[in-house]
């Protein structure tokens, strides 16, 4: 996992982190708007506690690292043209509350958990999951995924629409008469 670890996590000033957070939020909101994806009014990349306050100066390095990952995920979701982003839940890290992160001896990586809930057509979900797997320089693990159909009733045979391949359509057409 060394290729995915940051070379150095360096704390920045709380104001620098806030500026980066606002810029990232604006970039992501613009991407969602361009994609036609509905976003909650309170959306702030999972960092809603910093809408009105500043981060602990001793936590800004890890928060900036996490922000970069979340920004990549949200831009990938926007690019997939999801219909609606319902919410993003990001639990507070130990450093945010003034504590110190202590890895267990068996830990090979640090978990930076989050939960994303969104609505999208099947194609968008496939594209988003593929984008997560292909993120360059980032490593994401999907621990739990729940996919549900928004339609209550199952599809009927009459609802199916099949495309006719072009070669088959041409072969079944009536021959031309001279």
C-alpha atoms as a PDB file:
ATOM      1  CA  UNK A   1       0.000   0.000   0.000  1.00  0.00           C
ATOM      2  CA  UNK A   2       3.029   2.288   0.019  1.00  0.00           C
ATOM      3  CA  UNK A   3       2.149   3.629  -3.440  1.00  0.00           C
ATOM      4  CA  UNK A   4      -1.130   4.964  -2.012  1.00  0.00           C
ATOM      5  CA  UNK A   5       0.307   6.510   1.134  1.00  0.00           C
ATOM      6  CA  UNK A   6       0.992  10.218   1.018  1.00  0.00           C
ATOM      7  CA  UNK A   7       4.686  11.027   1.169  1.00  0.00           C
ATOM      8  CA  UNK A   8       4.052  13.467   3.974  1.00  0.00           C
ATOM      9  CA  UNK A   9       0.964  14.776   5.701  1.00  0.00           C
ATOM     10  CA  UNK A  10       1.734  18.358   6.539  1.00  0.00           C
ATOM     11  CA  UNK A  11      -0.666  20.538   8.461  1.00  0.00           C
ATOM     12  CA  UNK A  12      -1.613  23.850   6.894  1.00  0.00           C
ATOM     13  CA  UNK A  13      -3.240  26.797   8.586  1.00  0.00           C
ATOM     14  CA  UNK A  14      -6.951  26.393   9.338  1.00  0.00           C
ATOM     15  CA  UNK A  15      -7.662  29.279   6.947  1.00  0.00           C
ATOM     16  CA  UNK A  16      -5.746  27.573   4.099  1.00  0.00           C
ATOM     17  CA  UNK A  17      -7.746  24.388   4.685  1.00  0.00           C
ATOM     18  CA  UNK A  18     -11.004  26.374   4.708  1.00  0.00           C
ATOM     19  CA  UNK A  19     -10.055  28.084   1.434  1.00  0.00           C
ATOM     20  CA  UNK A  20      -9.252  24.707  -0.172  1.00  0.00           C
ATOM     21  CA  UNK A  21     -12.513  23.222   1.156  1.00  0.00           C
ATOM     22  CA  UNK A  22     -14.586  26.092  -0.276  1.00  0.00           C
ATOM     23  CA  UNK A  23     -12.817  25.895  -3.652  1.00  0.00           C
ATOM     24  CA  UNK A  24     -13.314  22.108  -3.798  1.00  0.00           C
ATOM     25  CA  UNK A  25     -16.976  22.441  -2.833  1.00  0.00           C
ATOM     26  CA  UNK A  26     -17.540  25.037  -5.574  1.00  0.00           C
ATOM     27  CA  UNK A  27     -15.792  22.831  -8.160  1.00  0.00           C
ATOM     28  CA  UNK A  28     -17.871  19.789  -7.206  1.00  0.00           C
ATOM     29  CA  UNK A  29     -21.154  21.743  -7.088  1.00  0.00           C
ATOM     30  CA  UNK A  30     -20.419  23.120 -10.568  1.00  0.00           C
ATOM     31  CA  UNK A  31     -19.710  19.598 -11.858  1.00  0.00           C
ATOM     32  CA  UNK A  32     -22.996  18.344 -10.380  1.00  0.00           C
ATOM     33  CA  UNK A  33     -24.894  21.301 -11.851  1.00  0.00           C
ATOM     34  CA  UNK A  34     -23.366  20.703 -15.302  1.00  0.00           C
ATOM     35  CA  UNK A  35     -24.304  17.011 -15.053  1.00  0.00           C
ATOM     36  CA  UNK A  36     -27.873  17.827 -14.013  1.00  0.00           C
ATOM     37  CA  UNK A  37     -27.453  16.089 -10.648  1.00  0.00           C
ATOM     38  CA  UNK A  38     -29.637  17.333  -7.793  1.00  0.00           C
ATOM     39  CA  UNK A  39     -27.616  18.102  -4.632  1.00  0.00           C
ATOM     40  CA  UNK A  40     -28.890  18.840  -1.094  1.00  0.00           C
ATOM     41  CA  UNK A  41     -28.695  22.500  -0.028  1.00  0.00           C
ATOM     42  CA  UNK A  42     -26.574  21.602   3.023  1.00  0.00           C
ATOM     43  CA  UNK A  43     -23.990  19.669   0.968  1.00  0.00           C
ATOM     44  CA  UNK A  44     -20.394  20.649   1.818  1.00  0.00           C
ATOM     45  CA  UNK A  45     -18.439  17.501   0.803  1.00  0.00           C
ATOM     46  CA  UNK A  46     -19.105  15.863   4.173  1.00  0.00           C
ATOM     47  CA  UNK A  47     -17.355  18.720   6.005  1.00  0.00           C
ATOM     48  CA  UNK A  48     -20.555  20.529   7.033  1.00  0.00           C
ATOM     49  CA  UNK A  49     -19.139  21.303  10.494  1.00  0.00           C
ATOM     50  CA  UNK A  50     -16.639  23.620   8.788  1.00  0.00           C
ATOM     51  CA  UNK A  51     -19.263  25.705   7.010  1.00  0.00           C
ATOM     52  CA  UNK A  52     -19.364  28.080   9.973  1.00  0.00           C
ATOM     53  CA  UNK A  53     -16.158  27.188  11.799  1.00  0.00           C
ATOM     54  CA  UNK A  54     -12.529  26.357  11.208  1.00  0.00           C
ATOM     55  CA  UNK A  55     -10.664  23.085  11.572  1.00  0.00           C
ATOM     56  CA  UNK A  56      -8.232  22.227  14.334  1.00  0.00           C
ATOM     57  CA  UNK A  57      -4.786  23.285  13.077  1.00  0.00           C
ATOM     58  CA  UNK A  58      -3.338  19.923  14.142  1.00  0.00           C
ATOM     59  CA  UNK A  59      -5.855  18.073  11.947  1.00  0.00           C
ATOM     60  CA  UNK A  60      -5.655  20.031   8.696  1.00  0.00           C
ATOM     61  CA  UNK A  61      -3.080  17.739   7.057  1.00  0.00           C
ATOM     62  CA  UNK A  62      -5.154  14.565   7.317  1.00  0.00           C
ATOM     63  CA  UNK A  63      -8.344  16.530   6.582  1.00  0.00           C
ATOM     64  CA  UNK A  64      -6.808  17.905   3.395  1.00  0.00           C
ATOM     65  CA  UNK A  65      -5.780  14.388   2.368  1.00  0.00           C
ATOM     66  CA  UNK A  66      -9.326  13.139   3.021  1.00  0.00           C
ATOM     67  CA  UNK A  67     -10.817  16.150   1.225  1.00  0.00           C
ATOM     68  CA  UNK A  68      -8.790  15.334  -1.890  1.00  0.00           C
ATOM     69  CA  UNK A  69     -10.157  11.778  -1.912  1.00  0.00           C
ATOM     70  CA  UNK A  70     -13.750  12.879  -1.355  1.00  0.00           C
ATOM     71  CA  UNK A  71     -13.426  15.509  -4.092  1.00  0.00           C
ATOM     72  CA  UNK A  72     -12.253  12.822  -6.548  1.00  0.00           C
ATOM     73  CA  UNK A  73     -15.201  10.601  -5.594  1.00  0.00           C
ATOM     74  CA  UNK A  74     -17.734  13.401  -5.963  1.00  0.00           C
ATOM     75  CA  UNK A  75     -16.319  14.472  -9.346  1.00  0.00           C
ATOM     76  CA  UNK A  76     -16.529  10.834 -10.497  1.00  0.00           C
ATOM     77  CA  UNK A  77     -20.141  10.680  -9.318  1.00  0.00           C
ATOM     78  CA  UNK A  78     -20.933  13.886 -11.203  1.00  0.00           C
ATOM     79  CA  UNK A  79     -19.228  12.558 -14.335  1.00  0.00           C
ATOM     80  CA  UNK A  80     -21.360   9.398 -14.133  1.00  0.00           C
ATOM     81  CA  UNK A  81     -24.428  11.659 -14.345  1.00  0.00           C
ATOM     82  CA  UNK A  82     -26.146  10.387 -11.216  1.00  0.00           C
ATOM     83  CA  UNK A  83     -29.681  11.701 -10.862  1.00  0.00           C
ATOM     84  CA  UNK A  84     -29.464  12.887  -7.252  1.00  0.00           C
ATOM     85  CA  UNK A  85     -26.924  12.992  -4.448  1.00  0.00           C
ATOM     86  CA  UNK A  86     -28.933  12.313  -1.289  1.00  0.00           C
ATOM     87  CA  UNK A  87     -26.214  12.729   1.348  1.00  0.00           C
ATOM     88  CA  UNK A  88     -22.565  12.348   2.313  1.00  0.00           C
ATOM     89  CA  UNK A  89     -21.750  11.305   5.862  1.00  0.00           C
ATOM     90  CA  UNK A  90     -18.173  11.655   7.066  1.00  0.00           C
ATOM     91  CA  UNK A  91     -17.485  10.688  10.695  1.00  0.00           C
ATOM     92  CA  UNK A  92     -15.113  13.005  12.547  1.00  0.00           C
ATOM     93  CA  UNK A  93     -11.491  11.863  12.690  1.00  0.00           C
ATOM     94  CA  UNK A  94      -9.674  11.545  16.016  1.00  0.00           C
ATOM     95  CA  UNK A  95      -7.515  14.594  15.214  1.00  0.00           C
ATOM     96  CA  UNK A  96     -10.577  16.799  14.731  1.00  0.00           C
ATOM     97  CA  UNK A  97     -11.525  16.381  18.369  1.00  0.00           C
ATOM     98  CA  UNK A  98      -7.990  16.976  19.640  1.00  0.00           C
ATOM     99  CA  UNK A  99      -7.112  13.300  20.013  1.00  0.00           C
ATOM    100  CA  UNK A 100      -4.302  11.398  18.339  1.00  0.00           C
ATOM    101  CA  UNK A 101      -4.760   8.642  15.789  1.00  0.00           C
ATOM    102  CA  UNK A 102      -3.154   5.417  16.998  1.00  0.00           C
ATOM    103  CA  UNK A 103      -2.957   2.645  14.410  1.00  0.00           C
ATOM    104  CA  UNK A 104      -3.255  -0.936  15.543  1.00  0.00           C
ATOM    105  CA  UNK A 105      -0.240  -3.187  14.915  1.00  0.00           C
ATOM    106  CA  UNK A 106      -2.280  -5.129  12.332  1.00  0.00           C
ATOM    107  CA  UNK A 107      -3.371  -2.037  10.359  1.00  0.00           C
ATOM    108  CA  UNK A 108      -1.980  -1.862   6.824  1.00  0.00           C
ATOM    109  CA  UNK A 109      -3.854   1.349   5.995  1.00  0.00           C
ATOM    110  CA  UNK A 110      -5.836   4.009   7.773  1.00  0.00           C
ATOM    111  CA  UNK A 111      -9.562   3.963   7.193  1.00  0.00           C
ATOM    112  CA  UNK A 112     -11.145   7.303   6.367  1.00  0.00           C
ATOM    113  CA  UNK A 113     -14.766   6.121   6.293  1.00  0.00           C
ATOM    114  CA  UNK A 114     -17.656   7.859   4.635  1.00  0.00           C
ATOM    115  CA  UNK A 115     -21.131   7.047   3.411  1.00  0.00           C
ATOM    116  CA  UNK A 116     -22.590   8.227   0.113  1.00  0.00           C
ATOM    117  CA  UNK A 117     -26.259   7.873  -0.795  1.00  0.00           C
ATOM    118  CA  UNK A 118     -27.367   8.676  -4.320  1.00  0.00           C
ATOM    119  CA  UNK A 119     -29.939   7.848  -6.978  1.00  0.00           C
ATOM    120  CA  UNK A 120     -28.790   6.943 -10.472  1.00  0.00           C
ATOM    121  CA  UNK A 121     -29.599   4.755 -13.454  1.00  0.00           C
ATOM    122  CA  UNK A 122     -27.770   1.438 -13.717  1.00  0.00           C
ATOM    123  CA  UNK A 123     -25.274   2.774 -16.266  1.00  0.00           C
ATOM    124  CA  UNK A 124     -24.266   5.635 -13.939  1.00  0.00           C
ATOM    125  CA  UNK A 125     -23.742   3.250 -11.021  1.00  0.00           C
ATOM    126  CA  UNK A 126     -21.490   1.042 -13.161  1.00  0.00           C
ATOM    127  CA  UNK A 127     -19.478   4.052 -14.318  1.00  0.00           C
ATOM    128  CA  UNK A 128     -19.114   5.376 -10.765  1.00  0.00           C
ATOM    129  CA  UNK A 129     -17.978   2.024  -9.356  1.00  0.00           C
ATOM    130  CA  UNK A 130     -15.498   1.647 -12.235  1.00  0.00           C
ATOM    131  CA  UNK A 131     -14.160   5.146 -11.542  1.00  0.00           C
ATOM    132  CA  UNK A 132     -13.624   4.253  -7.881  1.00  0.00           C
ATOM    133  CA  UNK A 133     -11.633   1.175  -8.857  1.00  0.00           C
ATOM    134  CA  UNK A 134      -9.524   3.158 -11.337  1.00  0.00           C
ATOM    135  CA  UNK A 135      -8.675   6.202  -9.179  1.00  0.00           C
ATOM    136  CA  UNK A 136      -5.032   7.015  -9.756  1.00  0.00           C
ATOM    137  CA  UNK A 137      -2.981   7.459  -6.603  1.00  0.00           C
ATOM    138  CA  UNK A 138      -5.983   6.679  -4.400  1.00  0.00           C
ATOM    139  CA  UNK A 139      -7.199   3.429  -2.915  1.00  0.00           C
ATOM    140  CA  UNK A 140     -10.841   2.990  -1.958  1.00  0.00           C
ATOM    141  CA  UNK A 141     -12.508  -0.008  -0.394  1.00  0.00           C
ATOM    142  CA  UNK A 142     -16.263  -0.416  -0.595  1.00  0.00           C
ATOM    143  CA  UNK A 143     -17.186  -2.092   2.686  1.00  0.00           C
ATOM    144  CA  UNK A 144     -20.928  -2.159   2.174  1.00  0.00           C
ATOM    145  CA  UNK A 145     -23.091  -1.440  -0.819  1.00  0.00           C
ATOM    146  CA  UNK A 146     -26.858  -1.539  -1.040  1.00  0.00           C
ATOM    147  CA  UNK A 147     -28.565  -1.230  -4.371  1.00  0.00           C
ATOM    148  CA  UNK A 148     -32.318  -1.005  -4.521  1.00  0.00           C
ATOM    149  CA  UNK A 149     -34.805  -0.373  -7.276  1.00  0.00           C
ATOM    150  CA  UNK A 150     -36.861   2.788  -6.960  1.00  0.00           C
ATOM    151  CA  UNK A 151     -39.795   1.069  -8.657  1.00  0.00           C
ATOM    152  CA  UNK A 152     -42.014  -0.915  -6.313  1.00  0.00           C
ATOM    153  CA  UNK A 153     -43.489  -3.232  -8.951  1.00  0.00           C
ATOM    154  CA  UNK A 154     -41.349  -5.765 -10.810  1.00  0.00           C
ATOM    155  CA  UNK A 155     -40.938  -5.369 -14.567  1.00  0.00           C
ATOM    156  CA  UNK A 156     -43.391  -7.138 -16.852  1.00  0.00           C
ATOM    157  CA  UNK A 157     -42.495  -8.946 -20.055  1.00  0.00           C
ATOM    158  CA  UNK A 158     -44.468  -6.334 -21.998  1.00  0.00           C
ATOM    159  CA  UNK A 159     -42.151  -3.607 -20.606  1.00  0.00           C
ATOM    160  CA  UNK A 160     -39.072  -5.092 -22.280  1.00  0.00           C
ATOM    161  CA  UNK A 161     -37.742  -3.249 -25.313  1.00  0.00           C
ATOM    162  CA  UNK A 162     -35.080  -5.003 -27.325  1.00  0.00           C
ATOM    163  CA  UNK A 163     -32.888  -3.340 -29.909  1.00  0.00           C
ATOM    164  CA  UNK A 164     -32.678  -5.000 -33.291  1.00  0.00           C
ATOM    165  CA  UNK A 165     -29.077  -5.235 -34.499  1.00  0.00           C
ATOM    166  CA  UNK A 166     -28.511  -3.427 -37.806  1.00  0.00           C
ATOM    167  CA  UNK A 167     -27.198  -6.536 -39.610  1.00  0.00           C
ATOM    168  CA  UNK A 168     -30.214  -8.622 -38.601  1.00  0.00           C
ATOM    169  CA  UNK A 169     -32.663  -5.906 -39.645  1.00  0.00           C
ATOM    170  CA  UNK A 170     -31.061  -5.657 -43.095  1.00  0.00           C
ATOM    171  CA  UNK A 171     -31.082  -9.442 -43.571  1.00  0.00           C
ATOM    172  CA  UNK A 172     -34.783  -9.769 -42.740  1.00  0.00           C
ATOM    173  CA  UNK A 173     -35.848  -6.888 -44.975  1.00  0.00           C
ATOM    174  CA  UNK A 174     -37.747  -7.818 -48.134  1.00  0.00           C
ATOM    175  CA  UNK A 175     -35.480  -8.143 -51.168  1.00  0.00           C
ATOM    176  CA  UNK A 176     -35.615  -5.307 -53.674  1.00  0.00           C
ATOM    177  CA  UNK A 177     -37.280  -6.016 -57.026  1.00  0.00           C
ATOM    178  CA  UNK A 178     -35.802  -4.885 -60.252  1.00  0.00           C
END
